[in-house]
């Protein structure tokens, strides 16, 4: 399994519960002037722990989001 490394700023991260599926949330980030720094990524073998993504909001906060699907 290939692992992609993401270079993120050294900062405090904020967590956001993405609900059932973070795909909808991710699709709205860039149109709201945020920046997706890690697209929807499976966690664990066969995505057994769900999915996560990370983005930077318009105020420079790095936010991690998690969902089951």
Protein backbone atom coordinates (compact mmCIF):
# COMPACT_ATOMS: atom_id res chain seq x y z
CA UNK A 1 0.00 0.00 0.00
CA UNK A 2 1.48 3.35 -1.05
CA UNK A 3 1.41 6.13 1.51
CA UNK A 4 1.24 9.73 0.36
CA UNK A 5 3.09 12.25 2.51
CA UNK A 6 1.53 15.67 2.99
CA UNK A 7 3.51 18.67 4.17
CA UNK A 8 1.34 20.68 6.50
CA UNK A 9 2.20 23.80 8.46
CA UNK A 10 3.29 23.28 12.06
CA UNK A 11 0.30 24.61 13.93
CA UNK A 12 -2.51 23.56 16.20
CA UNK A 13 -5.10 21.57 14.28
CA UNK A 14 -8.84 21.78 14.70
CA UNK A 15 -11.14 18.77 14.31
CA UNK A 16 -14.47 18.82 12.51
CA UNK A 17 -16.94 15.93 12.49
CA UNK A 18 -17.72 15.46 8.81
CA UNK A 19 -20.96 13.56 9.44
CA UNK A 20 -21.76 10.60 7.23
CA UNK A 21 -19.60 11.61 4.23
CA UNK A 22 -17.00 14.39 3.99
CA UNK A 23 -17.22 14.53 0.18
CA UNK A 24 -19.93 17.22 0.30
CA UNK A 25 -17.89 19.30 2.74
CA UNK A 26 -14.74 19.02 0.62
CA UNK A 27 -16.59 20.11 -2.52
CA UNK A 28 -17.58 23.40 -0.82
CA UNK A 29 -14.19 24.33 0.67
CA UNK A 30 -12.48 25.82 -2.37
CA UNK A 31 -15.57 27.71 -3.50
CA UNK A 32 -15.56 29.30 -0.01
CA UNK A 33 -11.89 30.37 -0.55
CA UNK A 34 -10.40 27.61 1.61
CA UNK A 35 -7.65 25.25 0.44
CA UNK A 36 -7.81 21.44 0.56
CA UNK A 37 -4.35 20.20 1.63
CA UNK A 38 -5.24 16.52 1.97
CA UNK A 39 -8.14 15.13 -0.06
CA UNK A 40 -10.49 12.45 1.26
CA UNK A 41 -8.18 9.68 2.44
CA UNK A 42 -9.06 6.26 3.84
CA UNK A 43 -7.90 5.40 7.35
CA UNK A 44 -6.77 1.87 8.13
CA UNK A 45 -6.86 -1.28 6.11
CA UNK A 46 -9.88 -1.26 3.79
CA UNK A 47 -10.90 2.12 5.28
CA UNK A 48 -12.03 0.37 8.45
CA UNK A 49 -11.72 3.57 10.48
CA UNK A 50 -13.46 5.82 7.98
CA UNK A 51 -12.03 8.74 6.04
CA UNK A 52 -10.30 12.02 6.78
CA UNK A 53 -9.32 15.16 4.96
CA UNK A 54 -7.52 18.36 5.90
CA UNK A 55 -8.00 21.90 4.73
CA UNK A 56 -6.93 25.43 5.54
CA UNK A 57 -9.77 27.86 6.12
CA UNK A 58 -9.84 31.54 5.13
CA UNK A 59 -8.35 32.56 8.48
CA UNK A 60 -5.36 30.22 8.14
CA UNK A 61 -6.59 27.51 10.54
CA UNK A 62 -5.70 23.95 9.59
CA UNK A 63 -8.77 21.75 10.06
CA UNK A 64 -8.99 17.94 10.00
CA UNK A 65 -12.31 16.36 9.18
CA UNK A 66 -13.45 12.75 9.72
CA UNK A 67 -16.40 10.72 8.48
CA UNK A 68 -17.45 7.09 8.37
CA UNK A 69 -18.10 7.07 4.57
